[in-house]
Amino acid sequence: MRGSSSKSSWLTTSLSWRSPAAARVIATAGAQTRTGVCLAFILCFHGPIAACDEAIALADQTIQTPGINSIYLGLAHDVLGHAHLRNGRIDAAEREARRAIEVLASIPTLRLSAAATLIRVLLATGRAAEARSTADAALAEAEKVGGIGFAEVRLRVAAAEAHHAAGDTAAARSALRSAIDHIAQRADRIADPTWRASYLEKVPDNLLARELAAQLDVGGLPDR
C-alpha cells in the first residue's frame, strides 16, 4: 500500500511541472477522497442506520480511487464492515472487516478498530469463542502499544460483549470497567455541559457500555 501511495505522490509531483491543471485535479480528488472516507466513518459509526447507505457509497468511492494510501483504504473497509453488519449483511461484513485488518497491519490504532468490528461480526454469527479469542489478542496488543486513541472504548466494549457471550462474566466486567474508565476520563475533559451530555448520551459505544453495565451490575459511569 505504501508503494501505491508513493506512486500517486510521484505522479502528482511529475505532473505539477508538466501540467499544473492535471496535478490540481489529482490533488483535489485525493483530498475529496480523504474527506469522504472520514465522513463515511462518522455516518457509519455515529449516524442512524439509514446513513449507512451513504457511508457505503463514500467508502466504495475511496476503495476505487487509484493510489489511495493504506490508512484511508483500511478505514474504508472498516466502514464497509460496520455498515454491512448494521444492515444485517453478515458475510459481507466479515469479509470487509478482515480486509481492513489486513490492509491496516502496520497501523495498530485503526487495525484494532477493525478488530472491534470483526468481534461484533463473530458475535452476530454465534461464534462467541472466536470472538473472545479475537478480543483477548486485540486487548493485549492495545496494552502493548500503550493505547489506541479513538478506538479504545469501542474495542473494550466489544471485548466485554464477547466475554459476556462466552459466559466469562469476570472478564466481561473487567473489560467493561476499563471501557468505563476511558469514558469517564474523556467526559471529565469536556468542560461544556451540553457537549459532555452529548458525548455520554449519543455516542453509540458509550450507550452500549451503559446497557451492558446494567446487565453486569458494573458501576462507575458518569452521570449524564
Protein backbone atom coordinates (compact mmCIF):
# COMPACT_ATOMS: atom_id res chain seq x y z
CA MET A 1 0.00 0.00 0.00
CA ARG A 2 2.89 2.31 0.73
CA GLY A 3 4.10 1.77 -2.82
CA SER A 4 0.72 2.83 -4.19
CA SER A 5 0.75 5.99 -2.11
CA SER A 6 4.31 6.81 -3.21
CA LYS A 7 3.35 6.21 -6.83
CA SER A 8 0.44 8.63 -6.51
CA SER A 9 2.67 11.29 -4.89
CA TRP A 10 5.29 10.85 -7.61
CA LEU A 11 2.65 11.17 -10.31
CA THR A 12 1.27 14.37 -8.80
CA THR A 13 4.77 15.87 -8.49
CA SER A 14 5.70 14.84 -12.01
CA LEU A 15 2.55 16.38 -13.46
CA SER A 16 2.91 19.57 -11.44
CA TRP A 17 5.53 20.99 -13.80
CA ARG A 18 4.22 19.40 -17.00
CA SER A 19 0.54 20.07 -16.41
CA PRO A 20 -0.37 22.08 -13.29
CA ALA A 21 -4.07 21.68 -14.04
CA ALA A 22 -3.82 17.89 -14.11
CA ALA A 23 -1.84 17.90 -10.86
CA ARG A 24 -4.51 20.02 -9.21
CA VAL A 25 -7.20 17.55 -10.34
CA ILE A 26 -5.31 14.64 -8.79
CA ALA A 27 -4.62 16.54 -5.56
CA THR A 28 -8.25 17.65 -5.30
CA ALA A 29 -9.53 14.13 -5.92
CA GLY A 30 -7.24 12.83 -3.20
CA ALA A 31 -8.43 15.45 -0.73
CA GLN A 32 -12.06 14.72 -1.55
CA THR A 33 -11.44 11.00 -1.05
CA ARG A 34 -9.85 11.57 2.35
CA THR A 35 -12.70 13.84 3.40
CA GLY A 36 -15.23 11.36 2.03
CA VAL A 37 -13.94 8.37 3.98
CA CYS A 38 -13.80 10.40 7.20
CA LEU A 39 -17.41 11.45 6.64
CA ALA A 40 -18.30 7.82 5.88
CA PHE A 41 -16.77 6.77 9.20
CA ILE A 42 -18.83 9.32 11.12
CA LEU A 43 -22.03 8.38 9.29
CA CYS A 44 -21.49 4.68 9.77
CA PHE A 45 -20.35 4.61 13.38
CA HIS A 46 -22.29 7.56 14.80
CA GLY A 47 -25.23 8.12 12.46
CA PRO A 48 -28.61 6.41 12.17
CA ILE A 49 -28.78 3.15 10.29
CA ALA A 50 -30.28 4.98 7.32
CA ALA A 51 -26.95 6.81 6.91
CA CYS A 52 -25.16 3.55 6.21
CA ASP A 53 -26.08 3.63 2.52
CA GLU A 54 -24.30 6.96 2.06
CA ALA A 55 -21.36 5.66 4.10
CA ILE A 56 -21.10 2.62 1.84
CA ALA A 57 -21.15 4.77 -1.28
CA LEU A 58 -18.38 7.00 0.08
CA ALA A 59 -16.29 4.02 1.19
CA ASP A 60 -16.68 2.32 -2.19
CA GLN A 61 -15.54 5.53 -3.87
CA THR A 62 -12.44 5.57 -1.67
CA ILE A 63 -11.57 1.96 -2.47
CA GLN A 64 -11.84 2.67 -6.19
CA THR A 65 -9.53 5.69 -6.01
CA PRO A 66 -6.17 4.93 -7.69
CA GLY A 67 -3.18 5.35 -5.41
CA ILE A 68 -5.16 5.79 -2.18
CA ASN A 69 -2.93 5.09 0.80
CA SER A 70 -3.41 2.27 3.28
CA ILE A 71 -4.84 4.48 6.04
CA TYR A 72 -7.85 5.60 4.02
CA LEU A 73 -8.19 2.28 2.24
CA GLY A 74 -8.29 0.42 5.55
CA LEU A 75 -10.74 2.92 7.02
CA ALA A 76 -12.98 2.40 4.01
CA HIS A 77 -13.01 -1.37 4.51
CA ASP A 78 -13.75 -0.91 8.22
CA VAL A 79 -16.66 1.38 7.35
CA LEU A 80 -18.00 -1.22 4.93
CA GLY A 81 -17.66 -3.95 7.53
CA HIS A 82 -19.58 -2.00 10.17
CA ALA A 83 -22.19 -0.73 7.71
CA HIS A 84 -22.87 -4.22 6.38
CA LEU A 85 -23.10 -5.51 9.94
CA ARG A 86 -25.67 -2.87 10.84
CA ASN A 87 -27.65 -3.76 7.73
CA GLY A 88 -27.56 -7.49 8.50
CA ARG A 89 -25.25 -8.46 5.64
CA ILE A 90 -23.04 -10.60 7.83
CA ASP A 91 -20.94 -12.36 5.17
CA ALA A 92 -20.03 -9.04 3.57
CA ALA A 93 -19.34 -7.55 6.98
CA GLU A 94 -16.87 -10.29 7.88
CA ARG A 95 -15.12 -10.06 4.53
CA GLU A 96 -14.66 -6.30 4.84
CA ALA A 97 -13.59 -6.41 8.50
CA ARG A 98 -10.92 -8.99 7.75
CA ARG A 99 -9.77 -7.00 4.73
CA ALA A 100 -9.48 -3.88 6.90
CA ILE A 101 -7.34 -5.75 9.42
CA GLU A 102 -5.11 -6.97 6.59
CA VAL A 103 -4.69 -3.54 5.00
CA LEU A 104 -4.05 -1.86 8.36
CA ALA A 105 -1.46 -4.40 9.51
CA SER A 106 1.11 -1.70 10.35
CA ILE A 107 -1.33 0.79 11.93
CA PRO A 108 -2.46 -0.58 15.31
CA THR A 109 -4.98 2.12 16.21
CA LEU A 110 -7.01 1.67 13.05
CA ARG A 111 -6.48 -2.08 12.85
CA LEU A 112 -7.81 -2.58 16.36
CA SER A 113 -10.88 -0.54 15.45
CA ALA A 114 -11.42 -3.03 12.64
CA ALA A 115 -10.85 -5.85 15.14
CA ALA A 116 -13.78 -4.49 17.17
CA THR A 117 -15.91 -4.70 14.03
CA LEU A 118 -14.80 -8.29 13.50
CA ILE A 119 -15.57 -9.20 17.13
CA ARG A 120 -19.15 -8.00 16.67
CA VAL A 121 -19.47 -9.83 13.36
CA LEU A 122 -18.35 -13.05 15.06
CA LEU A 123 -20.86 -12.49 17.84
CA ALA A 124 -23.61 -11.93 15.27
CA THR A 125 -22.84 -15.36 13.79
CA GLY A 126 -22.80 -17.12 17.17
CA ARG A 127 -19.01 -17.66 17.27
CA ALA A 128 -18.54 -16.46 20.83
CA ALA A 129 -15.33 -18.42 21.44
CA GLU A 130 -13.66 -16.96 18.35
CA ALA A 131 -14.92 -13.50 19.26
CA ARG A 132 -13.43 -13.86 22.75
CA SER A 133 -10.04 -15.01 21.45
CA THR A 134 -10.01 -12.15 18.92
CA ALA A 135 -10.87 -9.74 21.72
CA ASP A 136 -8.13 -11.07 24.00
CA ALA A 137 -5.49 -10.71 21.29
CA ALA A 138 -6.67 -7.18 20.45
CA LEU A 139 -6.71 -6.07 24.09
CA ALA A 140 -3.20 -7.47 24.63
CA GLU A 141 -1.94 -5.50 21.66
CA ALA A 142 -3.72 -2.33 22.80
CA GLU A 143 -1.91 -2.62 26.14
CA LYS A 144 1.39 -3.30 24.39
CA VAL A 145 1.22 -0.19 22.19
CA GLY A 146 0.11 1.98 25.11
CA GLY A 147 -3.36 2.96 23.91
CA ILE A 148 -5.31 3.20 20.68
CA GLY A 149 -7.00 6.59 20.90
CA PHE A 150 -10.49 6.85 19.44
CA ALA A 151 -10.82 3.05 19.21
CA GLU A 152 -10.13 2.45 22.91
CA VAL A 153 -13.72 2.45 24.15
CA ARG A 154 -15.07 0.71 21.10
CA LEU A 155 -12.66 -2.20 21.40
CA ARG A 156 -13.12 -2.63 25.14
CA VAL A 157 -16.92 -2.60 24.94
CA ALA A 158 -16.80 -5.15 22.10
CA ALA A 159 -14.44 -7.28 24.20
CA ALA A 160 -16.85 -7.08 27.15
CA GLU A 161 -19.67 -8.21 24.85
CA ALA A 162 -17.56 -11.13 23.62
CA HIS A 163 -16.66 -12.33 27.12
CA HIS A 164 -20.26 -11.93 28.25
CA ALA A 165 -21.48 -14.01 25.29
CA ALA A 166 -18.86 -16.66 26.07
CA GLY A 167 -20.05 -16.88 29.66
CA ASP A 168 -16.96 -15.34 31.25
CA THR A 169 -18.63 -12.75 33.46
CA ALA A 170 -15.47 -11.80 35.34
CA ALA A 171 -13.56 -11.00 32.15
CA ALA A 172 -16.59 -9.16 30.74
CA ARG A 173 -16.76 -6.96 33.83
CA SER A 174 -13.03 -6.29 33.70
CA ALA A 175 -13.14 -5.18 30.05
CA LEU A 176 -16.24 -3.11 30.71
CA ARG A 177 -14.70 -1.37 33.75
CA SER A 178 -11.73 -0.44 31.59
CA ALA A 179 -14.06 0.96 28.92
CA ILE A 180 -15.98 2.92 31.56
CA ASP A 181 -12.72 4.36 32.93
CA HIS A 182 -11.86 5.67 29.46
CA ILE A 183 -15.36 7.09 29.01
CA ALA A 184 -15.16 8.85 32.38
CA GLN A 185 -11.71 10.28 31.67
CA ARG A 186 -12.89 11.73 28.38
CA ALA A 187 -16.11 13.08 29.85
CA ASP A 188 -14.10 14.83 32.59
CA ARG A 189 -12.15 16.71 29.93
CA ILE A 190 -15.30 18.16 28.35
CA ALA A 191 -16.00 21.44 30.11
CA ASP A 192 -19.17 22.37 28.25
CA PRO A 193 -22.12 20.56 29.89
CA THR A 194 -24.06 20.30 26.64
CA TRP A 195 -21.19 18.68 24.79
CA ARG A 196 -20.47 16.44 27.77
CA ALA A 197 -24.07 15.25 27.85
CA SER A 198 -23.97 14.66 24.10
CA TYR A 199 -20.83 12.57 24.45
CA LEU A 200 -22.35 10.43 27.18
CA GLU A 201 -25.82 10.11 25.66
CA LYS A 202 -25.29 9.93 21.90
CA VAL A 203 -22.03 8.08 21.20
CA PRO A 204 -23.17 4.53 20.37
CA ASP A 205 -20.39 2.68 22.19
CA ASN A 206 -20.99 4.73 25.33
CA LEU A 207 -24.66 3.77 25.21
CA LEU A 208 -23.72 0.11 24.73
CA ALA A 209 -21.42 0.38 27.73
CA ARG A 210 -24.28 1.75 29.81
CA GLU A 211 -26.61 -1.06 28.74
CA LEU A 212 -24.00 -3.72 29.42
CA ALA A 213 -23.13 -2.16 32.78
CA ALA A 214 -26.75 -2.55 33.83
CA GLN A 215 -26.72 -6.22 32.82
CA LEU A 216 -23.44 -6.97 34.57
CA ASP A 217 -24.01 -4.76 37.60
CA VAL A 218 -20.94 -2.61 36.91
CA GLY A 219 -20.93 0.96 38.18
CA GLY A 220 -18.73 3.96 37.56
CA LEU A 221 -20.34 5.50 34.51
CA PRO A 222 -20.53 9.30 34.78
CA ASP A 223 -23.92 10.92 35.26
CA ARG A 224 -25.46 12.20 32.07
